[in-house]
N, C-alpha and C. Protein backbone atom coordinates (compact mmCIF):
# COMPACT_ATOMS: atom_id res chain seq x y z
N UNK A 1 -10.01 -4.80 16.22
CA UNK A 1 -9.67 -3.70 15.34
C UNK A 1 -8.57 -4.14 14.37
N UNK A 2 -8.73 -3.81 13.11
CA UNK A 2 -7.76 -4.14 12.07
C UNK A 2 -7.28 -2.84 11.41
N UNK A 3 -6.12 -2.89 10.80
CA UNK A 3 -5.57 -1.72 10.12
C UNK A 3 -5.01 -2.12 8.76
N UNK A 4 -5.40 -1.35 7.75
CA UNK A 4 -4.86 -1.51 6.40
C UNK A 4 -4.06 -0.26 6.08
N UNK A 5 -2.85 -0.47 5.61
CA UNK A 5 -2.00 0.63 5.15
C UNK A 5 -1.82 0.45 3.65
N UNK A 6 -2.17 1.47 2.91
CA UNK A 6 -2.06 1.44 1.46
C UNK A 6 -0.87 2.28 1.03
N UNK A 7 -0.04 1.72 0.15
CA UNK A 7 1.15 2.41 -0.34
C UNK A 7 1.13 2.38 -1.87
N UNK A 8 1.09 3.56 -2.47
CA UNK A 8 1.24 3.60 -3.92
C UNK A 8 2.73 3.48 -4.23
N UNK A 9 3.07 2.74 -5.26
CA UNK A 9 4.48 2.57 -5.62
C UNK A 9 5.15 3.93 -5.78
N UNK A 10 6.45 3.96 -5.56
CA UNK A 10 7.23 5.19 -5.69
C UNK A 10 7.39 5.55 -7.17
N UNK A 11 7.89 6.76 -7.40
CA UNK A 11 8.08 7.28 -8.76
C UNK A 11 8.89 6.31 -9.61
N UNK A 12 8.33 6.00 -10.77
CA UNK A 12 8.99 5.02 -11.64
C UNK A 12 9.54 5.69 -12.89
N UNK A 13 10.35 4.95 -13.56
CA UNK A 13 10.94 5.34 -14.83
C UNK A 13 10.22 4.54 -15.91
N UNK A 14 10.40 4.91 -17.17
CA UNK A 14 9.83 4.13 -18.26
C UNK A 14 10.83 4.10 -19.41
N UNK A 15 11.88 3.29 -19.24
CA UNK A 15 12.89 3.19 -20.31
C UNK A 15 12.27 2.65 -21.60
N UNK A 16 12.89 3.00 -22.72
CA UNK A 16 12.41 2.51 -24.02
C UNK A 16 12.35 0.98 -24.02
N UNK A 17 11.41 0.44 -24.77
CA UNK A 17 11.24 -1.00 -24.94
C UNK A 17 11.02 -1.75 -23.61
N UNK A 18 10.38 -1.08 -22.65
CA UNK A 18 10.09 -1.70 -21.36
C UNK A 18 8.58 -1.81 -21.21
N UNK A 19 8.11 -3.01 -20.93
CA UNK A 19 6.69 -3.21 -20.67
C UNK A 19 6.30 -2.51 -19.37
N UNK A 20 5.04 -2.13 -19.25
CA UNK A 20 4.54 -1.46 -18.05
C UNK A 20 4.88 -2.27 -16.79
N UNK A 21 4.71 -3.57 -16.84
CA UNK A 21 4.94 -4.45 -15.69
C UNK A 21 6.39 -4.38 -15.20
N UNK A 22 7.32 -4.13 -16.11
CA UNK A 22 8.76 -4.18 -15.80
C UNK A 22 9.39 -2.81 -15.57
N UNK A 23 8.58 -1.78 -15.39
CA UNK A 23 9.13 -0.44 -15.18
C UNK A 23 9.86 -0.37 -13.84
N UNK A 24 11.11 0.10 -13.84
CA UNK A 24 11.88 0.22 -12.59
C UNK A 24 11.57 1.54 -11.88
N UNK A 25 12.04 1.64 -10.64
CA UNK A 25 11.92 2.90 -9.92
C UNK A 25 12.93 3.90 -10.46
N UNK A 26 12.54 5.17 -10.47
CA UNK A 26 13.45 6.26 -10.79
C UNK A 26 14.28 6.56 -9.53
N UNK A 27 15.36 7.30 -9.69
CA UNK A 27 16.18 7.67 -8.52
C UNK A 27 15.34 8.38 -7.47
N UNK A 28 14.47 9.28 -7.91
CA UNK A 28 13.58 9.98 -6.97
C UNK A 28 12.68 8.99 -6.24
N UNK A 29 12.21 7.98 -6.94
CA UNK A 29 11.36 6.96 -6.33
C UNK A 29 12.10 6.18 -5.25
N UNK A 30 13.34 5.81 -5.52
CA UNK A 30 14.14 5.09 -4.53
C UNK A 30 14.32 5.96 -3.29
N UNK A 31 14.66 7.23 -3.52
CA UNK A 31 14.87 8.16 -2.41
C UNK A 31 13.58 8.32 -1.59
N UNK A 32 12.44 8.53 -2.28
CA UNK A 32 11.16 8.71 -1.58
C UNK A 32 10.77 7.47 -0.78
N UNK A 33 10.99 6.29 -1.34
CA UNK A 33 10.64 5.05 -0.64
C UNK A 33 11.50 4.88 0.61
N UNK A 34 12.78 5.20 0.50
CA UNK A 34 13.66 5.12 1.68
C UNK A 34 13.22 6.11 2.74
N UNK A 35 12.91 7.34 2.31
CA UNK A 35 12.48 8.39 3.24
C UNK A 35 11.16 8.03 3.92
N UNK A 36 10.19 7.56 3.12
CA UNK A 36 8.86 7.26 3.67
C UNK A 36 8.90 6.06 4.60
N UNK A 37 9.64 5.03 4.25
CA UNK A 37 9.70 3.84 5.11
C UNK A 37 10.38 4.18 6.44
N UNK A 38 11.41 4.99 6.39
CA UNK A 38 12.09 5.42 7.62
C UNK A 38 11.15 6.28 8.46
N UNK A 39 10.41 7.16 7.82
CA UNK A 39 9.43 8.01 8.51
C UNK A 39 8.38 7.17 9.23
N UNK A 40 7.82 6.17 8.56
CA UNK A 40 6.81 5.31 9.19
C UNK A 40 7.39 4.56 10.38
N UNK A 41 8.59 4.05 10.23
CA UNK A 41 9.22 3.30 11.32
C UNK A 41 9.47 4.23 12.51
N UNK A 42 9.92 5.46 12.26
CA UNK A 42 10.13 6.43 13.34
C UNK A 42 8.84 6.79 14.05
N UNK A 43 7.72 6.75 13.32
CA UNK A 43 6.41 7.04 13.90
C UNK A 43 5.84 5.81 14.63
N UNK A 44 6.63 4.74 14.71
CA UNK A 44 6.22 3.49 15.37
C UNK A 44 4.97 2.88 14.76
N UNK A 45 4.85 3.00 13.45
CA UNK A 45 3.74 2.37 12.74
C UNK A 45 4.12 0.91 12.50
N UNK A 46 3.45 0.04 13.23
CA UNK A 46 3.73 -1.40 13.17
C UNK A 46 2.98 -2.02 12.00
N UNK A 47 3.65 -2.91 11.32
CA UNK A 47 3.05 -3.65 10.20
C UNK A 47 3.49 -5.10 10.35
N UNK A 48 2.55 -6.03 10.18
CA UNK A 48 2.86 -7.45 10.37
C UNK A 48 3.20 -8.17 9.07
N UNK A 49 2.65 -7.70 7.95
CA UNK A 49 2.92 -8.38 6.68
C UNK A 49 2.69 -7.40 5.53
N UNK A 50 3.54 -7.54 4.51
CA UNK A 50 3.40 -6.75 3.28
C UNK A 50 2.79 -7.61 2.18
N UNK A 51 1.87 -7.01 1.44
CA UNK A 51 1.30 -7.62 0.24
C UNK A 51 1.60 -6.66 -0.91
N UNK A 52 2.14 -7.18 -2.00
CA UNK A 52 2.55 -6.31 -3.09
C UNK A 52 2.11 -6.83 -4.45
N UNK A 53 1.81 -5.88 -5.31
CA UNK A 53 1.71 -6.18 -6.73
C UNK A 53 3.06 -6.75 -7.16
N UNK A 54 3.06 -7.71 -8.07
CA UNK A 54 4.34 -8.25 -8.54
C UNK A 54 5.05 -7.36 -9.56
N UNK A 55 4.40 -6.28 -10.01
CA UNK A 55 5.05 -5.37 -10.96
C UNK A 55 6.31 -4.80 -10.33
N UNK A 56 7.35 -4.64 -11.12
CA UNK A 56 8.67 -4.27 -10.61
C UNK A 56 8.64 -3.01 -9.74
N UNK A 57 7.94 -1.96 -10.18
CA UNK A 57 7.97 -0.70 -9.43
C UNK A 57 7.30 -0.82 -8.07
N UNK A 58 6.23 -1.62 -7.97
CA UNK A 58 5.55 -1.81 -6.68
C UNK A 58 6.36 -2.73 -5.78
N UNK A 59 6.84 -3.83 -6.33
CA UNK A 59 7.62 -4.77 -5.53
C UNK A 59 8.93 -4.15 -5.06
N UNK A 60 9.56 -3.34 -5.90
CA UNK A 60 10.79 -2.65 -5.50
C UNK A 60 10.51 -1.68 -4.36
N UNK A 61 9.40 -0.96 -4.43
CA UNK A 61 9.00 -0.06 -3.34
C UNK A 61 8.82 -0.85 -2.05
N UNK A 62 8.12 -1.96 -2.15
CA UNK A 62 7.88 -2.83 -1.00
C UNK A 62 9.20 -3.33 -0.41
N UNK A 63 10.11 -3.74 -1.26
CA UNK A 63 11.40 -4.26 -0.78
C UNK A 63 12.22 -3.18 -0.07
N UNK A 64 12.11 -1.94 -0.54
CA UNK A 64 12.80 -0.83 0.14
C UNK A 64 12.17 -0.62 1.53
N UNK A 65 10.85 -0.65 1.61
CA UNK A 65 10.18 -0.54 2.92
C UNK A 65 10.62 -1.67 3.84
N UNK A 66 10.84 -2.82 3.27
CA UNK A 66 11.19 -3.98 4.09
C UNK A 66 12.60 -3.90 4.65
N UNK A 67 13.43 -3.00 4.16
CA UNK A 67 14.74 -2.78 4.78
C UNK A 67 14.57 -2.19 6.18
N UNK A 68 13.43 -1.53 6.42
CA UNK A 68 13.11 -0.99 7.75
C UNK A 68 12.34 -2.01 8.58
N UNK A 69 11.48 -2.81 7.94
CA UNK A 69 10.54 -3.66 8.68
C UNK A 69 10.98 -5.12 8.85
N UNK A 70 11.63 -5.68 7.88
CA UNK A 70 12.10 -7.07 7.95
C UNK A 70 10.95 -8.05 8.25
N UNK A 71 9.92 -8.00 7.41
CA UNK A 71 8.76 -8.88 7.58
C UNK A 71 8.50 -9.63 6.28
N UNK A 72 7.53 -10.52 6.32
CA UNK A 72 7.19 -11.31 5.14
C UNK A 72 6.54 -10.45 4.06
N UNK A 73 6.95 -10.70 2.82
CA UNK A 73 6.33 -10.07 1.64
C UNK A 73 5.63 -11.16 0.85
N UNK A 74 4.38 -10.92 0.51
CA UNK A 74 3.64 -11.83 -0.37
C UNK A 74 3.20 -11.04 -1.59
N UNK A 75 3.52 -11.54 -2.79
CA UNK A 75 3.05 -10.88 -4.00
C UNK A 75 1.69 -11.46 -4.38
N UNK A 76 0.82 -10.57 -4.83
CA UNK A 76 -0.53 -10.96 -5.24
C UNK A 76 -0.80 -10.32 -6.61
N UNK A 77 -0.99 -11.15 -7.60
CA UNK A 77 -1.22 -10.68 -8.97
C UNK A 77 -2.39 -9.70 -9.04
N UNK A 78 -3.43 -9.91 -8.24
CA UNK A 78 -4.62 -9.06 -8.27
C UNK A 78 -4.33 -7.62 -7.82
N UNK A 79 -3.14 -7.35 -7.25
CA UNK A 79 -2.79 -5.98 -6.87
C UNK A 79 -2.16 -5.20 -8.02
N UNK A 80 -1.92 -5.86 -9.15
CA UNK A 80 -1.44 -5.17 -10.35
C UNK A 80 -2.66 -4.71 -11.14
N UNK A 81 -2.72 -3.41 -11.42
CA UNK A 81 -3.89 -2.82 -12.09
C UNK A 81 -5.19 -3.20 -11.36
N UNK A 82 -5.14 -3.15 -10.05
CA UNK A 82 -6.26 -3.59 -9.22
C UNK A 82 -7.42 -2.62 -9.24
N UNK A 83 -8.61 -3.17 -9.24
CA UNK A 83 -9.82 -2.38 -9.02
C UNK A 83 -10.07 -2.35 -7.52
N UNK A 84 -10.96 -1.46 -7.08
CA UNK A 84 -11.28 -1.45 -5.65
C UNK A 84 -11.91 -2.77 -5.23
N UNK A 85 -12.59 -3.44 -6.15
CA UNK A 85 -13.16 -4.76 -5.84
C UNK A 85 -12.05 -5.78 -5.60
N UNK A 86 -10.96 -5.72 -6.36
CA UNK A 86 -9.82 -6.61 -6.12
C UNK A 86 -9.27 -6.41 -4.71
N UNK A 87 -9.11 -5.15 -4.31
CA UNK A 87 -8.62 -4.86 -2.95
C UNK A 87 -9.56 -5.44 -1.90
N UNK A 88 -10.86 -5.25 -2.10
CA UNK A 88 -11.86 -5.76 -1.14
C UNK A 88 -11.79 -7.28 -1.06
N UNK A 89 -11.70 -7.95 -2.20
CA UNK A 89 -11.65 -9.42 -2.21
C UNK A 89 -10.40 -9.94 -1.51
N UNK A 90 -9.27 -9.27 -1.70
CA UNK A 90 -8.04 -9.65 -1.01
C UNK A 90 -8.21 -9.44 0.49
N UNK A 91 -8.78 -8.31 0.87
CA UNK A 91 -8.92 -7.94 2.28
C UNK A 91 -9.79 -8.94 3.04
N UNK A 92 -10.94 -9.31 2.51
CA UNK A 92 -11.84 -10.21 3.25
C UNK A 92 -11.24 -11.60 3.42
N UNK A 93 -10.25 -11.94 2.61
CA UNK A 93 -9.61 -13.27 2.71
C UNK A 93 -8.34 -13.27 3.55
N UNK A 94 -7.97 -12.13 4.15
CA UNK A 94 -6.75 -12.08 4.96
C UNK A 94 -6.87 -12.96 6.20
N UNK A 95 -5.74 -13.45 6.66
CA UNK A 95 -5.64 -14.25 7.87
C UNK A 95 -5.99 -13.39 9.07
N UNK A 96 -6.93 -13.83 9.88
CA UNK A 96 -7.38 -13.06 11.03
C UNK A 96 -6.32 -12.89 12.11
N UNK A 97 -5.24 -13.67 12.04
CA UNK A 97 -4.15 -13.48 13.00
C UNK A 97 -3.38 -12.19 12.70
N UNK A 98 -3.52 -11.68 11.49
CA UNK A 98 -2.88 -10.41 11.11
C UNK A 98 -3.81 -9.26 11.49
N UNK A 99 -3.27 -8.29 12.22
CA UNK A 99 -4.06 -7.12 12.59
C UNK A 99 -3.72 -5.89 11.77
N UNK A 100 -2.48 -5.81 11.29
CA UNK A 100 -2.05 -4.65 10.50
C UNK A 100 -1.26 -5.13 9.29
N UNK A 101 -1.76 -4.78 8.11
CA UNK A 101 -1.10 -5.17 6.87
C UNK A 101 -0.90 -3.94 6.00
N UNK A 102 0.06 -4.04 5.09
CA UNK A 102 0.28 -2.99 4.09
C UNK A 102 0.17 -3.60 2.71
N UNK A 103 -0.48 -2.86 1.81
CA UNK A 103 -0.64 -3.29 0.42
C UNK A 103 0.02 -2.26 -0.49
N UNK A 104 0.90 -2.75 -1.37
CA UNK A 104 1.62 -1.91 -2.31
C UNK A 104 1.01 -2.12 -3.69
N UNK A 105 0.52 -1.03 -4.29
CA UNK A 105 -0.17 -1.18 -5.56
C UNK A 105 -0.06 0.10 -6.38
N UNK A 106 -1.03 0.31 -7.27
CA UNK A 106 -0.97 1.33 -8.32
C UNK A 106 -2.24 2.17 -8.32
N UNK A 107 -2.13 3.36 -8.92
CA UNK A 107 -3.31 4.16 -9.19
C UNK A 107 -3.94 3.65 -10.49
N UNK A 108 -5.15 3.79 -10.69
CA UNK A 108 -6.20 4.49 -9.97
C UNK A 108 -6.85 3.61 -8.90
N UNK A 109 -6.59 2.33 -8.96
CA UNK A 109 -7.25 1.40 -8.05
C UNK A 109 -7.01 1.71 -6.59
N UNK A 110 -5.77 2.05 -6.23
CA UNK A 110 -5.46 2.29 -4.82
C UNK A 110 -6.18 3.54 -4.31
N UNK A 111 -6.28 4.58 -5.14
CA UNK A 111 -7.03 5.78 -4.74
C UNK A 111 -8.51 5.48 -4.64
N UNK A 112 -9.04 4.72 -5.58
CA UNK A 112 -10.46 4.37 -5.53
C UNK A 112 -10.79 3.56 -4.29
N UNK A 113 -9.93 2.60 -3.93
CA UNK A 113 -10.16 1.80 -2.74
C UNK A 113 -10.09 2.67 -1.48
N UNK A 114 -9.10 3.54 -1.42
CA UNK A 114 -8.98 4.45 -0.27
C UNK A 114 -10.21 5.33 -0.15
N UNK A 115 -10.66 5.88 -1.25
CA UNK A 115 -11.83 6.76 -1.23
C UNK A 115 -13.10 6.01 -0.85
N UNK A 116 -13.15 4.71 -1.13
CA UNK A 116 -14.33 3.94 -0.74
C UNK A 116 -14.40 3.73 0.77
N UNK A 117 -13.27 3.94 1.47
CA UNK A 117 -13.23 3.75 2.92
C UNK A 117 -13.26 5.07 3.69
N UNK A 118 -13.32 6.19 2.99
CA UNK A 118 -13.16 7.47 3.67
C UNK A 118 -14.07 8.53 3.07
N UNK A 119 -14.43 9.49 3.91
CA UNK A 119 -15.18 10.65 3.42
C UNK A 119 -14.23 11.66 2.77
N UNK A 120 -12.93 11.56 3.11
CA UNK A 120 -11.93 12.44 2.51
C UNK A 120 -11.59 11.91 1.13
N UNK A 121 -11.70 12.75 0.13
CA UNK A 121 -11.37 12.33 -1.23
C UNK A 121 -9.96 12.78 -1.55
N UNK A 122 -9.15 11.87 -2.04
CA UNK A 122 -7.79 12.22 -2.41
C UNK A 122 -7.27 11.28 -3.49
N UNK A 123 -6.25 11.75 -4.18
CA UNK A 123 -5.52 10.93 -5.13
C UNK A 123 -4.14 10.69 -4.53
N UNK A 124 -3.70 9.46 -4.56
CA UNK A 124 -2.40 9.12 -4.03
C UNK A 124 -1.29 9.68 -4.90
N UNK A 125 -0.34 10.40 -4.30
CA UNK A 125 0.88 10.72 -5.05
C UNK A 125 1.75 9.46 -5.07
N UNK A 126 2.75 9.42 -5.91
CA UNK A 126 3.66 8.28 -5.87
C UNK A 126 4.31 8.23 -4.49
N UNK A 127 4.37 7.04 -3.93
CA UNK A 127 4.89 6.74 -2.59
C UNK A 127 4.04 7.35 -1.47
N UNK A 128 2.82 7.72 -1.79
CA UNK A 128 1.88 8.16 -0.76
C UNK A 128 1.46 6.98 0.08
N UNK A 129 1.18 7.24 1.36
CA UNK A 129 0.82 6.18 2.31
C UNK A 129 -0.42 6.61 3.09
N UNK A 130 -1.42 5.75 3.14
CA UNK A 130 -2.63 6.02 3.91
C UNK A 130 -2.93 4.83 4.82
N UNK A 131 -3.30 5.13 6.05
CA UNK A 131 -3.67 4.10 7.01
C UNK A 131 -5.14 4.20 7.36
N UNK A 132 -5.80 3.06 7.40
CA UNK A 132 -7.23 3.01 7.72
C UNK A 132 -7.48 2.03 8.85
N UNK A 133 -8.26 2.47 9.82
CA UNK A 133 -8.67 1.60 10.92
C UNK A 133 -10.01 0.98 10.54
N UNK A 134 -10.09 -0.34 10.67
CA UNK A 134 -11.29 -1.08 10.32
C UNK A 134 -11.87 -1.66 11.61
N UNK A 135 -13.09 -1.28 11.93
CA UNK A 135 -13.70 -1.69 13.19
C UNK A 135 -14.29 -3.10 13.06
N UNK A 136 -13.41 -4.10 13.13
CA UNK A 136 -13.85 -5.49 13.03
C UNK A 136 -12.82 -6.39 13.71
N UNK A 137 -13.23 -7.59 14.06
CA UNK A 137 -12.33 -8.57 14.64
C UNK A 137 -11.84 -9.57 13.60
N UNK A 138 -12.62 -9.71 12.53
CA UNK A 138 -12.28 -10.62 11.44
C UNK A 138 -12.29 -9.85 10.14
N UNK A 139 -11.29 -10.10 9.29
CA UNK A 139 -11.24 -9.43 7.99
C UNK A 139 -12.48 -9.75 7.16
N UNK A 140 -13.11 -10.88 7.41
CA UNK A 140 -14.31 -11.25 6.65
C UNK A 140 -15.47 -10.28 6.92
N UNK A 141 -15.38 -9.50 7.99
CA UNK A 141 -16.41 -8.51 8.34
C UNK A 141 -16.13 -7.14 7.71
N UNK A 142 -15.13 -7.07 6.85
CA UNK A 142 -14.67 -5.79 6.27
C UNK A 142 -15.81 -4.98 5.66
N UNK A 143 -16.65 -5.62 4.84
CA UNK A 143 -17.68 -4.87 4.09
C UNK A 143 -18.60 -4.07 5.00
N UNK A 144 -19.07 -4.66 6.09
CA UNK A 144 -20.01 -3.97 6.96
C UNK A 144 -19.37 -3.16 8.07
N UNK A 145 -18.05 -3.19 8.17
CA UNK A 145 -17.36 -2.53 9.28
C UNK A 145 -17.19 -1.02 9.04
N UNK A 146 -17.18 -0.27 10.13
CA UNK A 146 -16.84 1.15 10.03
C UNK A 146 -15.36 1.28 9.72
N UNK A 147 -15.05 2.24 8.84
CA UNK A 147 -13.68 2.45 8.42
C UNK A 147 -13.32 3.92 8.64
N UNK A 148 -12.09 4.15 9.08
CA UNK A 148 -11.68 5.52 9.41
C UNK A 148 -10.25 5.75 8.94
N UNK A 149 -10.05 6.86 8.22
CA UNK A 149 -8.70 7.27 7.83
C UNK A 149 -7.97 7.73 9.09
N UNK A 150 -6.82 7.11 9.39
CA UNK A 150 -6.08 7.51 10.59
C UNK A 150 -4.81 8.29 10.25
N UNK A 151 -4.31 8.16 9.02
CA UNK A 151 -3.21 9.01 8.58
C UNK A 151 -3.07 8.96 7.07
N UNK A 152 -2.50 10.02 6.53
CA UNK A 152 -2.17 10.09 5.11
C UNK A 152 -0.88 10.90 4.99
N UNK A 153 0.13 10.30 4.38
CA UNK A 153 1.43 10.95 4.25
C UNK A 153 1.84 11.03 2.78
N UNK A 154 2.25 12.23 2.40
CA UNK A 154 2.75 12.51 1.06
C UNK A 154 4.26 12.71 1.20
N UNK A 155 5.08 12.01 0.43
CA UNK A 155 6.54 12.15 0.59
C UNK A 155 7.04 13.57 0.40
N UNK A 156 6.30 14.39 -0.37
CA UNK A 156 6.72 15.78 -0.59
C UNK A 156 6.53 16.62 0.67
N UNK A 157 5.72 16.11 1.62
CA UNK A 157 5.37 16.92 2.80
C UNK A 157 5.98 16.38 4.09
N UNK A 158 6.89 15.43 3.98
CA UNK A 158 7.53 14.95 5.22
C UNK A 158 9.02 15.27 5.21
């Protein structure tokens, strides 16, 4: 059994003359990321490795989560403006020694990927977190494996 946790970056700011890639987190985003990461840790949600878009707002969200987890972070360019196909390609290539991973990325791709694994349709709010159980022993079996939404948390509701 494998588990993927998807995290949409926290609320960002868009200062003048700032490229999309370099957008920082807003104060609300920092607060939500701290709150959500603490909430997950209190719920004993174990994660072995973080994968993040290299965009500032996603990586900053990931780094805030890592203040609770203290695990390896790997940035993957394909998680920036990712399509659901990008997520799938990353997933099937994951190291089979990892059983639970978290991916930090952006909408609309993260919502599309989540919806492809679930009968529940939803759009991720900023700093929303969804966990999916994948019924497989190897990540390479992802495509044909049964997938089940095991939790979805909205920072406004915790």
